Amino acid sequence: MKKTRRKFVLYAVLAVFASLVILLGIINILIFSTAADDADKLTEKIIRASFGPDGAVPSNQGGDPSQGDWNFDKKGLGPMGPDSPETLNSLRYFTVSFDKDGNSTMLAYRISAVEMDAAVEWARSLKKESTGWTRGTYRYRVLKRDGVTFVTVIDQGREMLSAYRILIYSLCGTALGTILSFVILRLVSKKLFAPLEEADRKQRKFIAAAEQEFKLPLTVINADIEIIERENGPSEQTRSVHRQVNKMTMLVRNVGALRMFDEDKPAHQSFAISETLKRVLEKNAERLSQAGVELTTDLDNASFTGDEAAFEKAFGEITENILKYAETKASVSLKSQNGRIKLEFRNDTSLADGGYDQAFDRFVTLENALEGSAGLGLPSVKNVIDMHNGRVHAKVENSSFVLAIDL
């Protein structure tokens, strides 16, 4: 339940973060696009003011917007837009023309941040372009007519200042909003999940009690049937009782797996994981032999930091899975590579090739599952691997069921 609460907080914070990024991103894109459109309107007006009244290319210096076809909107929104009549007095720009031979003429020079010679060289570097931003906050436009190239560069620094401020405020707002949402959700989630955690605690307590209550009568029934068989010999009835008791025992064990691994962080300590695996395999060697399963092992000596008891139970579940579903042979491999531990459990199977990660979902059974299987063994294994930040996958390849673990 604690893991579920953490996932809820994480996903909720990610949702808030994504919403802020998308919303503020769209707003900033619109702001910068509008600023570029306004700057383009100004550069177009300026560069067309360089032509004479009849549209001819000027033969001498000129290009003062007040002398050209500027056409301000006298009914506009004042200083808020590029069509405002106040814009003329605040423009900072220069316009340079280049003839076919590359000779330059300064048609208009209304800027203090750039020397005239530097402005000419700057324009020369832009004459092969069309329009865009240069040096951050300068917008330029290039127009060609009758073999003459006109380059206008306008300073939009003051106009872009607001846009950049909004961008900075948006980034800070996104970060602050994400942090605040995390803090608020972390506090709220405790109260929100309190009833669920209490219900989960009661469920675990009930399962533990039920498991203990079932174990004793099943053990007594099994012992009584063995006594009857010793005295009177086995019969179809005693064998039927044995089968039903075994099914019940398996069911109790699977139900117990629901509480086998709680969601609290395990007590981590270094242990020889290869020795733990050997111990589990040796413990079940006789059962594997009786089941007609030939087991081969290839185990490197390796240590791991984690909960040894949890891994012992997980290896036991995997071994039980091999005992139930292996047909004639199985193999176990443990390799230590570059600080990682890779385990691979294989057994022959009749399942079709493909991925079978659904086997790790609770109460999900595969096509070859035995009658009475509850689908809780492999999910408990995945729980252990997840608690230790590992990965586990299941697949069938070349008629072999493969359980691969990466720690």
Protein backbone atom coordinates (compact mmCIF):
# COMPACT_ATOMS: atom_id res chain seq x y z
CA MET A 1 0.00 0.00 0.00
CA LYS A 2 2.88 2.36 0.71
CA LYS A 3 4.24 1.67 -2.74
CA THR A 4 0.81 2.40 -4.23
CA ARG A 5 0.66 5.70 -2.35
CA ARG A 6 4.11 6.67 -3.62
CA LYS A 7 3.09 5.83 -7.18
CA PHE A 8 -0.08 7.90 -6.81
CA VAL A 9 1.92 10.94 -5.67
CA LEU A 10 4.48 10.42 -8.44
CA TYR A 11 1.92 10.12 -11.23
CA ALA A 12 -0.12 13.04 -9.92
CA VAL A 13 2.97 15.28 -9.74
CA LEU A 14 3.98 14.20 -13.25
CA ALA A 15 0.49 15.07 -14.46
CA VAL A 16 0.72 18.53 -12.90
CA PHE A 17 4.20 19.03 -14.35
CA ALA A 18 3.10 17.94 -17.84
CA SER A 19 0.03 20.20 -17.69
CA LEU A 20 2.12 23.22 -16.68
CA VAL A 21 4.74 22.51 -19.34
CA ILE A 22 2.13 22.16 -22.09
CA LEU A 23 0.02 25.16 -21.03
CA LEU A 24 2.89 27.58 -20.35
CA GLY A 25 4.78 26.24 -23.36
CA ILE A 26 1.88 27.10 -25.67
CA ILE A 27 1.56 30.56 -24.09
CA ASN A 28 5.28 31.29 -24.55
CA ILE A 29 5.27 30.00 -28.13
CA LEU A 30 2.37 32.33 -28.92
CA ILE A 31 4.14 35.26 -27.23
CA PHE A 32 7.39 34.75 -29.16
CA SER A 33 5.50 34.12 -32.42
CA THR A 34 3.52 37.34 -31.98
CA ALA A 35 6.72 39.25 -31.20
CA ALA A 36 8.29 37.89 -34.39
CA ASP A 37 5.20 38.82 -36.45
CA ASP A 38 5.22 42.37 -35.02
CA ALA A 39 8.91 42.72 -35.78
CA ASP A 40 8.34 41.47 -39.34
CA LYS A 41 5.64 44.10 -39.88
CA LEU A 42 8.07 46.79 -38.77
CA THR A 43 10.97 45.57 -40.90
CA GLU A 44 8.69 45.37 -43.93
CA LYS A 45 7.45 48.93 -43.40
CA ILE A 46 11.00 50.19 -42.90
CA ILE A 47 12.49 48.48 -45.92
CA ARG A 48 9.65 49.57 -48.22
CA ALA A 49 10.07 53.14 -47.00
CA SER A 50 13.49 53.01 -48.68
CA PHE A 51 11.88 53.17 -52.12
CA GLY A 52 10.77 56.31 -53.78
CA PRO A 53 7.13 57.42 -54.12
CA ASP A 54 6.86 55.57 -57.42
CA GLY A 55 8.43 52.40 -56.02
CA ALA A 56 11.79 52.99 -57.75
CA VAL A 57 15.08 52.08 -56.17
CA PRO A 58 16.62 55.25 -54.62
CA SER A 59 19.84 56.53 -56.16
CA ASN A 60 20.98 58.37 -53.04
CA GLN A 61 20.71 58.05 -49.29
CA GLY A 62 17.27 58.24 -47.82
CA GLY A 63 14.88 55.70 -46.43
CA ASP A 64 13.52 57.80 -43.59
CA PRO A 65 10.22 56.12 -42.70
CA SER A 66 8.60 59.52 -42.26
CA GLN A 67 9.29 60.22 -45.93
CA GLY A 68 7.97 56.89 -47.20
CA ASP A 69 4.67 55.10 -47.34
CA TRP A 70 4.53 54.28 -43.64
CA ASN A 71 0.73 54.36 -43.24
CA PHE A 72 0.35 54.30 -39.47
CA ASP A 73 -3.05 53.40 -38.10
CA LYS A 74 -4.13 56.59 -36.36
CA LYS A 75 -6.96 54.69 -34.69
CA GLY A 76 -4.72 51.91 -33.41
CA LEU A 77 -3.99 50.83 -29.86
CA GLY A 78 -1.34 53.46 -29.17
CA PRO A 79 2.10 52.16 -28.16
CA MET A 80 0.85 48.57 -27.87
CA GLY A 81 1.27 47.52 -31.50
CA PRO A 82 3.49 47.97 -34.55
CA ASP A 83 0.77 50.09 -36.23
CA SER A 84 0.80 52.69 -33.45
CA PRO A 85 1.72 56.24 -34.54
CA GLU A 86 4.12 56.37 -31.55
CA THR A 87 6.22 53.53 -32.95
CA LEU A 88 8.07 55.85 -35.35
CA ASN A 89 9.76 57.77 -32.56
CA SER A 90 10.97 54.64 -30.75
CA LEU A 91 12.38 52.62 -33.67
CA ARG A 92 16.04 51.54 -33.45
CA TYR A 93 17.23 50.15 -36.78
CA PHE A 94 19.48 50.54 -39.80
CA THR A 95 18.98 49.82 -43.49
CA VAL A 96 21.81 49.08 -45.91
CA SER A 97 21.59 48.51 -49.67
CA PHE A 98 24.06 46.53 -51.81
CA ASP A 99 24.34 46.87 -55.58
CA LYS A 100 25.29 44.12 -58.01
CA ASP A 101 29.00 44.76 -57.40
CA GLY A 102 28.63 44.51 -53.61
CA ASN A 103 28.99 48.24 -52.96
CA SER A 104 27.05 49.33 -49.88
CA THR A 105 24.97 52.38 -49.13
CA MET A 106 23.63 53.27 -45.70
CA LEU A 107 20.03 54.28 -46.38
CA ALA A 108 18.93 54.72 -42.77
CA TYR A 109 20.81 54.66 -39.49
CA ARG A 110 18.83 55.05 -36.28
CA ILE A 111 20.65 52.95 -33.75
CA SER A 112 23.22 53.65 -31.06
CA ALA A 113 24.29 50.14 -30.08
CA VAL A 114 26.14 49.48 -33.37
CA GLU A 115 28.75 51.63 -35.14
CA MET A 116 27.95 52.47 -38.76
CA ASP A 117 30.86 50.46 -40.21
CA ALA A 118 29.95 47.49 -38.02
CA ALA A 119 26.32 47.85 -39.13
CA VAL A 120 27.34 47.64 -42.79
CA GLU A 121 29.39 44.46 -42.19
CA TRP A 122 26.57 43.00 -40.14
CA ALA A 123 24.11 43.67 -42.98
CA ARG A 124 26.56 42.20 -45.49
CA SER A 125 26.61 38.92 -43.50
CA LEU A 126 22.81 38.75 -43.74
CA LYS A 127 22.19 39.72 -47.39
CA LYS A 128 21.88 36.05 -48.51
CA GLU A 129 19.17 35.37 -45.93
CA SER A 130 15.48 36.29 -45.98
CA THR A 131 14.21 37.08 -42.47
CA GLY A 132 14.80 35.92 -38.91
CA TRP A 133 16.48 36.67 -35.62
CA THR A 134 20.13 37.64 -35.27
CA ARG A 135 22.20 38.22 -32.15
CA GLY A 136 19.28 37.26 -29.94
CA THR A 137 16.93 40.25 -30.04
CA TYR A 138 17.53 41.78 -33.48
CA ARG A 139 15.11 41.01 -36.31
CA TYR A 140 16.25 41.37 -39.93
CA ARG A 141 14.62 41.36 -43.34
CA VAL A 142 16.25 41.08 -46.76
CA LEU A 143 14.55 42.34 -49.94
CA LYS A 144 15.93 42.23 -53.48
CA ARG A 145 14.78 44.47 -56.31
CA ASP A 146 16.32 45.34 -59.68
CA GLY A 147 19.61 43.74 -58.69
CA VAL A 148 19.84 45.73 -55.45
CA THR A 149 19.70 43.97 -52.08
CA PHE A 150 18.20 45.80 -49.08
CA VAL A 151 18.94 44.64 -45.52
CA THR A 152 17.11 46.08 -42.54
CA VAL A 153 17.99 45.18 -38.97
CA ILE A 154 15.75 46.34 -36.14
CA ASP A 155 16.46 46.22 -32.42
CA GLN A 156 13.59 44.52 -30.60
CA GLY A 157 15.40 44.27 -27.25
CA ARG A 158 12.89 46.30 -25.28
CA GLU A 159 9.95 44.52 -26.90
CA MET A 160 11.49 41.08 -26.31
CA LEU A 161 12.33 41.84 -22.68
CA SER A 162 8.74 41.17 -21.63
CA ALA A 163 8.69 37.92 -23.59
CA TYR A 164 11.89 36.67 -21.95
CA ARG A 165 10.62 37.72 -18.53
CA ILE A 166 7.44 35.74 -19.09
CA LEU A 167 9.56 32.76 -20.16
CA ILE A 168 11.66 32.96 -16.99
CA TYR A 169 8.55 33.39 -14.83
CA SER A 170 6.99 30.38 -16.59
CA LEU A 171 10.02 28.19 -15.87
CA CYS A 172 10.08 29.28 -12.24
CA GLY A 173 6.32 28.85 -11.97
CA THR A 174 6.52 25.34 -13.41
CA ALA A 175 9.23 24.35 -10.94
CA LEU A 176 7.42 25.95 -7.99
CA GLY A 177 4.06 24.50 -9.01
CA THR A 178 5.57 21.02 -9.30
CA ILE A 179 7.22 21.28 -5.88
CA LEU A 180 4.05 22.63 -4.24
CA SER A 181 1.91 19.91 -5.83
CA PHE A 182 4.35 17.28 -4.54
CA VAL A 183 4.22 18.67 -0.99
CA ILE A 184 0.43 19.02 -1.01
CA LEU A 185 -0.17 15.59 -2.54
CA ARG A 186 2.29 14.01 -0.11
CA LEU A 187 0.32 15.42 2.82
CA VAL A 188 -3.11 14.71 1.34
CA SER A 189 -2.22 11.18 0.25
CA LYS A 190 -1.65 10.12 3.88
CA LYS A 191 -5.25 10.92 4.78
CA LEU A 192 -6.55 9.71 1.43
CA PHE A 193 -4.91 6.29 1.74
CA ALA A 194 -5.40 5.89 5.51
CA PRO A 195 -8.67 3.89 5.14
CA LEU A 196 -7.12 1.73 2.41
CA GLU A 197 -4.01 1.06 4.50
CA GLU A 198 -6.19 0.07 7.45
CA ALA A 199 -8.22 -2.27 5.24
CA ASP A 200 -5.02 -3.75 3.85
CA ARG A 201 -3.67 -4.31 7.36
CA LYS A 202 -6.85 -6.10 8.40
CA GLN A 203 -6.77 -8.19 5.22
CA ARG A 204 -3.19 -9.29 5.90
CA LYS A 205 -4.11 -10.14 9.46
CA PHE A 206 -7.09 -12.19 8.31
CA ILE A 207 -5.04 -14.06 5.67
CA ALA A 208 -2.36 -14.88 8.24
CA ALA A 209 -4.95 -16.21 10.67
CA ALA A 210 -6.75 -18.20 7.96
CA GLU A 211 -3.48 -19.72 6.78
CA GLN A 212 -2.63 -20.94 10.27
CA GLU A 213 -6.15 -22.24 10.83
CA PHE A 214 -6.06 -24.31 7.63
CA LYS A 215 -2.57 -25.73 8.06
CA LEU A 216 -3.30 -27.69 11.22
CA PRO A 217 -6.41 -29.63 10.06
CA LEU A 218 -4.76 -30.39 6.69
CA THR A 219 -1.72 -31.78 8.46
CA VAL A 220 -3.94 -33.92 10.72
CA ILE A 221 -5.99 -35.21 7.78
CA ASN A 222 -2.85 -36.11 5.88
CA ALA A 223 -1.40 -37.95 8.91
CA ASP A 224 -4.66 -39.84 9.55
CA ILE A 225 -4.86 -40.97 5.90
CA GLU A 226 -1.26 -42.25 6.07
CA ILE A 227 -2.14 -44.27 9.20
CA ILE A 228 -5.20 -45.74 7.47
CA GLU A 229 -3.10 -46.66 4.43
CA ARG A 230 -0.47 -48.38 6.61
CA GLU A 231 -3.14 -50.42 8.37
CA ASN A 232 -5.46 -51.22 5.47
CA GLY A 233 -3.41 -50.38 2.39
CA PRO A 234 -4.07 -47.57 -0.09
CA SER A 235 -7.39 -47.37 -1.87
CA GLU A 236 -9.04 -45.14 -4.42
CA GLN A 237 -10.71 -43.26 -1.58
CA THR A 238 -7.46 -42.57 0.32
CA ARG A 239 -5.71 -41.53 -2.88
CA SER A 240 -8.58 -39.14 -3.64
CA VAL A 241 -8.26 -37.67 -0.15
CA HIS A 242 -4.52 -37.26 -0.69
CA ARG A 243 -5.15 -35.39 -3.95
CA GLN A 244 -7.68 -33.06 -2.37
CA VAL A 245 -5.43 -32.42 0.63
CA ASN A 246 -2.55 -31.58 -1.71
CA LYS A 247 -4.76 -29.14 -3.61
CA MET A 248 -5.84 -27.51 -0.38
CA THR A 249 -2.23 -27.34 0.82
CA MET A 250 -1.22 -25.66 -2.46
CA LEU A 251 -4.10 -23.22 -2.18
CA VAL A 252 -3.15 -22.33 1.41
CA ARG A 253 0.45 -21.82 0.37
CA ASN A 254 -0.61 -19.56 -2.52
CA VAL A 255 -2.90 -17.55 -0.28
CA GLY A 256 -0.03 -17.19 2.16
CA ALA A 257 2.03 -15.77 -0.70
CA LEU A 258 -0.26 -12.73 -0.66
CA ARG A 259 1.29 -11.66 2.61
CA MET A 260 4.68 -13.31 2.13
CA PHE A 261 6.31 -10.07 1.06
CA ASP A 262 5.01 -6.86 2.53
CA GLU A 263 5.70 -3.52 0.86
CA ASP A 264 8.00 -2.16 3.53
CA LYS A 265 11.62 -1.72 2.57
CA PRO A 266 13.47 -4.97 3.37
CA ALA A 267 16.42 -5.06 5.73
CA HIS A 268 19.37 -4.99 3.33
CA GLN A 269 22.58 -6.79 4.15
CA SER A 270 25.26 -8.41 2.05
CA PHE A 271 24.90 -12.15 1.50
CA ALA A 272 26.13 -14.81 -0.93
CA ILE A 273 23.19 -15.00 -3.32
CA SER A 274 24.80 -17.90 -5.19
CA GLU A 275 24.95 -19.94 -1.97
CA THR A 276 21.33 -19.12 -1.21
CA LEU A 277 20.30 -20.38 -4.64
CA LYS A 278 22.41 -23.55 -4.24
CA ARG A 279 20.80 -24.25 -0.89
CA VAL A 280 17.29 -24.01 -2.35
CA LEU A 281 18.18 -26.21 -5.33
CA GLU A 282 19.85 -28.85 -3.13
CA LYS A 283 16.84 -28.88 -0.84
CA ASN A 284 14.60 -29.71 -3.81
CA ALA A 285 17.05 -31.96 -5.71
CA GLU A 286 15.35 -35.18 -4.65
CA ARG A 287 11.90 -33.90 -5.58
CA LEU A 288 13.18 -32.83 -9.01
CA SER A 289 14.72 -36.26 -9.53
CA GLN A 290 11.49 -38.01 -8.51
CA ALA A 291 9.58 -35.81 -10.95
CA GLY A 292 11.90 -36.96 -13.74
CA VAL A 293 13.41 -33.49 -14.27
CA GLU A 294 17.09 -33.35 -15.16
CA LEU A 295 18.51 -30.15 -13.65
CA THR A 296 21.78 -28.53 -14.82
CA THR A 297 23.34 -25.55 -13.08
CA ASP A 298 25.96 -22.93 -13.98
CA LEU A 299 26.43 -20.66 -10.98
CA ASP A 300 29.11 -18.02 -10.49
CA ASN A 301 30.07 -17.09 -6.94
CA ALA A 302 28.33 -13.78 -6.30
CA SER A 303 27.26 -11.59 -3.39
CA PHE A 304 24.31 -9.24 -3.23
CA THR A 305 23.00 -6.66 -0.78
CA GLY A 306 19.37 -7.25 0.06
CA ASP A 307 16.90 -9.38 2.01
CA GLU A 308 18.27 -12.95 1.94
CA ALA A 309 15.10 -14.49 3.40
CA ALA A 310 12.98 -12.88 0.68
CA PHE A 311 15.25 -14.22 -2.05
CA GLU A 312 15.23 -17.70 -0.51
CA LYS A 313 11.44 -17.71 -0.65
CA ALA A 314 11.48 -16.34 -4.21
CA PHE A 315 13.92 -19.04 -5.36
CA GLY A 316 11.68 -21.58 -3.66
CA GLU A 317 8.69 -20.31 -5.65
CA ILE A 318 10.64 -20.55 -8.90
CA THR A 319 11.73 -24.10 -8.04
CA GLU A 320 8.12 -25.05 -7.32
CA ASN A 321 7.21 -23.62 -10.71
CA ILE A 322 9.86 -25.82 -12.35
CA LEU A 323 8.62 -28.87 -10.43
CA LYS A 324 5.06 -28.30 -11.64
CA TYR A 325 5.68 -27.42 -15.27
CA ALA A 326 9.05 -28.83 -16.40
CA GLU A 327 8.60 -31.85 -18.65
CA THR A 328 12.03 -33.50 -18.67
CA LYS A 329 14.78 -30.95 -18.13
CA ALA A 330 15.58 -27.60 -16.54
CA SER A 331 18.60 -25.37 -16.13
CA VAL A 332 19.64 -22.58 -13.75
CA SER A 333 22.27 -19.96 -14.54
CA LEU A 334 23.72 -17.20 -12.36
CA LYS A 335 26.26 -14.76 -13.84
CA SER A 336 27.97 -11.77 -12.26
CA GLN A 337 28.86 -9.15 -14.89
CA ASN A 338 29.95 -5.52 -14.42
CA GLY A 339 28.44 -5.25 -10.97
CA ARG A 340 25.11 -6.76 -12.13
CA ILE A 341 23.74 -10.20 -11.34
CA LYS A 342 21.85 -12.03 -14.07
CA LEU A 343 19.85 -15.16 -13.29
CA GLU A 344 18.14 -17.37 -15.82
CA PHE A 345 15.79 -20.26 -15.08
CA ARG A 346 14.79 -22.52 -17.97
CA ASN A 347 12.55 -25.53 -18.32
CA ASP A 348 11.05 -27.25 -21.35
CA THR A 349 7.40 -26.47 -21.99
CA SER A 350 4.58 -26.99 -24.45
CA LEU A 351 3.69 -23.28 -24.52
CA ALA A 352 4.03 -21.36 -27.79
CA ASP A 353 7.00 -19.02 -28.23
CA GLY A 354 6.47 -15.41 -27.16
CA GLY A 355 6.45 -13.07 -24.18
CA TYR A 356 4.68 -14.15 -21.00
CA ASP A 357 5.11 -11.23 -18.59
CA GLN A 358 1.41 -11.57 -17.75
CA ALA A 359 2.48 -14.49 -15.56
CA PHE A 360 3.62 -11.88 -13.00
CA ASP A 361 0.08 -10.51 -12.58
CA ARG A 362 -1.76 -11.82 -9.52
CA PHE A 363 -4.38 -14.51 -10.14
CA VAL A 364 -3.34 -14.84 -13.80
CA THR A 365 -2.56 -18.40 -14.92
CA LEU A 366 -1.03 -19.55 -18.20
CA GLU A 367 -2.48 -22.12 -20.57
CA ASN A 368 -0.50 -24.99 -19.05
CA ALA A 369 -1.43 -24.16 -15.43
CA LEU A 370 -2.36 -27.08 -13.23
CA GLU A 371 -5.83 -27.42 -11.82
CA GLY A 372 -6.06 -25.44 -8.59
CA SER A 373 -3.26 -23.01 -9.46
CA ALA A 374 -4.07 -19.57 -8.07
CA GLY A 375 -1.52 -17.55 -10.02
CA LEU A 376 0.30 -16.16 -6.99
CA GLY A 377 3.75 -17.77 -7.15
CA LEU A 378 5.50 -15.71 -9.83
CA PRO A 379 3.81 -12.45 -8.73
CA SER A 380 5.44 -12.89 -5.32
CA VAL A 381 8.79 -13.41 -7.09
CA LYS A 382 8.32 -10.16 -9.02
CA ASN A 383 7.49 -8.39 -5.77
CA VAL A 384 10.86 -9.39 -4.32
CA ILE A 385 12.73 -8.33 -7.47
CA ASP A 386 10.91 -4.98 -7.56
CA MET A 387 11.77 -4.31 -3.90
CA HIS A 388 15.44 -4.68 -4.84
CA ASN A 389 15.17 -2.41 -7.92
CA GLY A 390 15.64 -5.34 -10.29
CA ARG A 391 13.91 -6.46 -13.48
CA VAL A 392 12.28 -9.78 -14.30
CA HIS A 393 10.88 -11.06 -17.59
CA ALA A 394 9.24 -14.27 -18.74
CA LYS A 395 9.20 -15.66 -22.26
CA VAL A 396 9.12 -18.90 -24.21
CA GLU A 397 11.77 -19.47 -26.86
CA ASN A 398 12.58 -22.71 -28.66
CA SER A 399 10.07 -24.59 -26.47
CA SER A 400 11.78 -23.42 -23.26
CA PHE A 401 10.11 -21.30 -20.59
CA VAL A 402 12.69 -18.67 -19.61
CA LEU A 403 12.56 -16.63 -16.42
CA ALA A 404 15.24 -13.90 -16.62
CA ILE A 405 16.17 -11.78 -13.59
CA ASP A 406 18.51 -8.78 -13.67
CA LEU A 407 19.69 -7.40 -10.31
